[in-house]
Amino acid sequence: MARALDQLITALQRLPGVGVKSASRMAYHLLQNDPLGAGQLAQALMRATAEVRHCRLCHTFTETDVCDTCADPQRDGGLLCVVETPADQAALERTGIYRGRYFVLMGKLSPLGGIGPQEIGLDKLLERLAGEVAEPVREVVLATSFTAEGEATAHVIGQLVRSQGIRVTRLARGVPVGSELEYVDLGTIAHAYADRR
């Protein structure tokens, strides 16, 4: 196999959920059926890696010093939602219900994976809470995943934030909309019952 093709397949495998077969299919498709698209993809990747950086305030991706969400004066500056990734932030934004500001961790605690508080920017979060802002944070909403690592991350952040006298809440968890109770796992049912209102 050509070395350049082999390197492309290897590079595509860096994407989440893409193994050798999927990467090979993508590479062959781009080169055989869509060379123009392959060039556009390469240019878009080069531009994004050169121009996209972290927002100074919330740590999400942006092309400016401060992202559009942080710069929006209509946002509630007293409400700060902590998420793991920019994709989580985008999901919350699509709901249209949250109108506060964000802090994006860019990960979650994973002692076995060597990811500690420094790697996910907890020091930057604490700086954000103590920093000079027009409106002090009155509530931090923890919107980390409900995995073991996400729960541990929420627990650590919750303790740090509470020690500063700021209210901490956590996204509720429970039975998904449209599901039948008999098919829901027992852990979800237990949490739904405990968090009932």
Protein backbone atom coordinates (compact mmCIF):
# COMPACT_ATOMS: atom_id res chain seq x y z
CA MET A 1 0.00 0.00 0.00
CA ALA A 2 1.19 3.54 -0.72
CA ARG A 3 2.81 5.19 2.28
CA ALA A 4 0.64 8.33 1.98
CA LEU A 5 -2.53 6.21 1.91
CA ASP A 6 -1.34 4.24 4.93
CA GLN A 7 -0.68 7.50 6.81
CA LEU A 8 -4.17 8.77 5.91
CA ILE A 9 -5.79 5.58 7.23
CA THR A 10 -3.73 5.80 10.43
CA ALA A 11 -4.68 9.47 10.85
CA LEU A 12 -8.40 8.75 10.39
CA GLN A 13 -8.21 6.10 13.12
CA ARG A 14 -7.57 8.91 15.62
CA LEU A 15 -11.25 9.84 15.36
CA PRO A 16 -13.47 8.36 18.09
CA GLY A 17 -15.10 5.09 17.13
CA VAL A 18 -13.11 4.71 13.90
CA GLY A 19 -11.19 1.49 13.51
CA VAL A 20 -9.03 0.18 10.66
CA LYS A 21 -11.98 -0.87 8.47
CA SER A 22 -13.89 2.40 8.83
CA ALA A 23 -10.74 4.46 8.33
CA SER A 24 -9.88 2.47 5.20
CA ARG A 25 -13.39 2.94 3.81
CA MET A 26 -13.21 6.70 4.42
CA ALA A 27 -9.76 7.03 2.89
CA TYR A 28 -10.66 5.03 -0.23
CA HIS A 29 -13.92 6.95 -0.64
CA LEU A 30 -12.23 10.33 -0.39
CA LEU A 31 -9.44 9.46 -2.78
CA GLN A 32 -11.55 7.56 -5.31
CA ASN A 33 -14.91 9.37 -5.25
CA ASP A 34 -14.34 12.80 -3.71
CA PRO A 35 -10.80 14.17 -4.12
CA LEU A 36 -12.21 17.72 -4.03
CA GLY A 37 -13.89 16.93 -0.71
CA ALA A 38 -10.63 15.46 0.58
CA GLY A 39 -8.86 18.72 -0.21
CA GLN A 40 -11.61 20.76 1.48
CA LEU A 41 -11.40 18.53 4.54
CA ALA A 42 -7.62 18.96 4.69
CA GLN A 43 -7.91 22.75 4.36
CA ALA A 44 -10.66 22.94 6.99
CA LEU A 45 -8.56 20.90 9.43
CA MET A 46 -5.49 23.08 8.84
CA ARG A 47 -7.52 26.27 9.28
CA ALA A 48 -9.25 25.02 12.42
CA THR A 49 -6.00 23.93 14.07
CA ALA A 50 -4.45 27.31 13.23
CA GLU A 51 -7.36 29.59 14.19
CA VAL A 52 -9.46 27.88 16.85
CA ARG A 53 -8.38 28.42 20.46
CA HIS A 54 -9.90 28.43 23.94
CA CYS A 55 -12.15 31.20 25.20
CA ARG A 56 -10.38 33.20 27.90
CA LEU A 57 -13.43 32.96 30.20
CA CYS A 58 -15.17 29.63 29.65
CA HIS A 59 -12.45 27.57 27.92
CA THR A 60 -14.67 26.45 25.00
CA PHE A 61 -13.52 26.63 21.39
CA THR A 62 -13.60 30.02 19.67
CA GLU A 63 -11.74 32.05 17.09
CA THR A 64 -11.77 35.17 19.28
CA ASP A 65 -10.43 35.97 22.74
CA VAL A 66 -13.93 35.62 24.25
CA CYS A 67 -16.60 33.36 22.70
CA ASP A 68 -20.03 34.59 21.59
CA THR A 69 -21.76 33.04 24.60
CA CYS A 70 -19.51 34.78 27.12
CA ALA A 71 -19.81 38.06 25.19
CA ASP A 72 -23.63 37.93 25.12
CA PRO A 73 -24.97 40.57 27.56
CA GLN A 74 -28.35 38.78 27.65
CA ARG A 75 -26.81 35.79 29.45
CA ASP A 76 -27.24 35.38 33.21
CA GLY A 77 -23.70 35.86 34.54
CA GLY A 78 -24.69 34.57 37.98
CA LEU A 79 -25.39 31.10 36.61
CA LEU A 80 -22.42 28.95 35.53
CA CYS A 81 -22.86 25.50 33.97
CA VAL A 82 -19.82 23.20 34.09
CA VAL A 83 -19.63 20.70 31.21
CA GLU A 84 -16.97 18.23 30.09
CA THR A 85 -16.69 19.15 26.41
CA PRO A 86 -17.75 21.75 23.84
CA ALA A 87 -20.07 19.05 22.42
CA ASP A 88 -21.87 18.91 25.80
CA GLN A 89 -22.17 22.69 25.75
CA ALA A 90 -23.64 22.57 22.24
CA ALA A 91 -26.17 19.93 23.34
CA LEU A 92 -27.35 22.12 26.23
CA GLU A 93 -27.55 25.12 23.91
CA ARG A 94 -29.76 23.20 21.48
CA THR A 95 -32.37 22.75 24.22
CA GLY A 96 -32.85 26.53 24.32
CA ILE A 97 -33.64 26.37 28.04
CA TYR A 98 -30.32 27.38 29.61
CA ARG A 99 -29.47 31.10 29.46
CA GLY A 100 -26.47 31.29 31.78
CA ARG A 101 -22.76 31.03 31.08
CA TYR A 102 -20.49 27.98 30.83
CA PHE A 103 -17.17 26.57 31.87
CA VAL A 104 -15.85 23.73 29.68
CA LEU A 105 -13.45 21.32 31.42
CA MET A 106 -12.18 19.63 28.24
CA GLY A 107 -12.33 16.28 30.00
CA LYS A 108 -13.12 14.57 33.28
CA LEU A 109 -11.10 13.20 36.15
CA SER A 110 -9.65 9.77 35.47
CA PRO A 111 -6.93 8.71 37.91
CA LEU A 112 -6.35 5.47 35.99
CA GLY A 113 -5.93 7.45 32.77
CA GLY A 114 -3.58 9.94 34.41
CA ILE A 115 -6.08 12.81 34.17
CA GLY A 116 -6.12 14.87 37.33
CA PRO A 117 -7.43 18.29 38.37
CA GLN A 118 -4.70 20.17 36.49
CA GLU A 119 -5.45 18.41 33.19
CA ILE A 120 -9.12 19.43 33.22
CA GLY A 121 -8.49 23.01 34.28
CA LEU A 122 -9.94 23.07 37.79
CA ASP A 123 -7.53 25.88 38.64
CA LYS A 124 -8.99 27.94 35.76
CA LEU A 125 -12.50 27.23 37.01
CA LEU A 126 -11.59 28.49 40.48
CA GLU A 127 -9.99 31.58 38.93
CA ARG A 128 -13.21 32.14 37.00
CA LEU A 129 -15.29 31.93 40.17
CA ALA A 130 -13.00 34.32 42.05
CA GLY A 131 -12.21 36.58 39.09
CA GLU A 132 -13.25 40.12 38.35
CA VAL A 133 -16.60 39.83 36.59
CA ALA A 134 -19.54 42.18 36.38
CA GLU A 135 -21.84 39.70 38.10
CA PRO A 136 -20.55 37.19 40.68
CA VAL A 137 -21.52 33.54 40.25
CA ARG A 138 -24.35 32.59 42.60
CA GLU A 139 -24.97 29.04 41.33
CA VAL A 140 -22.85 26.39 39.60
CA VAL A 141 -24.75 23.72 37.67
CA LEU A 142 -22.75 20.51 37.33
CA ALA A 143 -23.56 18.93 33.96
CA THR A 144 -20.88 16.25 33.78
CA SER A 145 -21.71 12.78 32.51
CA PHE A 146 -23.18 10.13 34.78
CA THR A 147 -20.22 7.76 34.37
CA ALA A 148 -17.95 6.93 37.30
CA GLU A 149 -15.44 9.55 36.11
CA GLY A 150 -18.16 12.15 35.52
CA GLU A 151 -19.61 11.57 38.98
CA ALA A 152 -16.16 11.84 40.58
CA THR A 153 -15.52 15.06 38.67
CA ALA A 154 -18.86 16.50 39.79
CA HIS A 155 -18.14 15.50 43.39
CA VAL A 156 -14.70 17.17 43.46
CA ILE A 157 -15.96 20.34 41.78
CA GLY A 158 -19.00 20.45 44.06
CA GLN A 159 -16.82 20.36 47.17
CA LEU A 160 -14.51 23.07 45.84
CA VAL A 161 -17.37 25.36 44.85
CA ARG A 162 -19.34 24.86 48.07
CA SER A 163 -16.24 25.76 50.08
CA GLN A 164 -16.45 29.20 48.41
CA GLY A 165 -20.05 29.65 49.57
CA ILE A 166 -21.57 29.22 46.11
CA ARG A 167 -24.71 27.14 45.57
CA VAL A 168 -24.12 23.89 43.64
CA THR A 169 -26.74 21.93 41.72
CA ARG A 170 -26.47 18.83 39.54
CA LEU A 171 -28.45 17.89 36.45
CA ALA A 172 -31.21 15.47 37.39
CA ARG A 173 -31.09 11.93 36.10
CA GLY A 174 -33.90 9.53 35.64
CA VAL A 175 -36.16 7.65 33.29
CA PRO A 176 -35.76 8.83 29.67
CA VAL A 177 -38.79 10.45 28.05
CA GLY A 178 -40.76 7.92 25.99
CA SER A 179 -39.31 4.84 27.66
CA GLU A 180 -41.19 2.01 29.31
CA LEU A 181 -40.28 1.43 32.94
CA GLU A 182 -39.86 -2.34 32.61
CA TYR A 183 -37.02 -1.84 30.10
CA VAL A 184 -35.10 0.80 32.09
CA ASP A 185 -32.04 -0.42 34.02
CA LEU A 186 -32.38 -0.68 37.81
CA GLY A 187 -29.76 1.98 38.55
CA THR A 188 -31.65 4.55 36.48
CA ILE A 189 -34.93 3.69 38.18
CA ALA A 190 -33.28 3.98 41.62
CA HIS A 191 -31.83 7.41 40.79
CA ALA A 192 -35.15 8.55 39.30
CA TYR A 193 -36.93 7.54 42.50
CA ALA A 194 -34.35 9.23 44.73
CA ASP A 195 -34.49 12.44 42.66
CA ARG A 196 -38.29 12.48 42.35
CA ARG A 197 -40.11 15.79 42.73
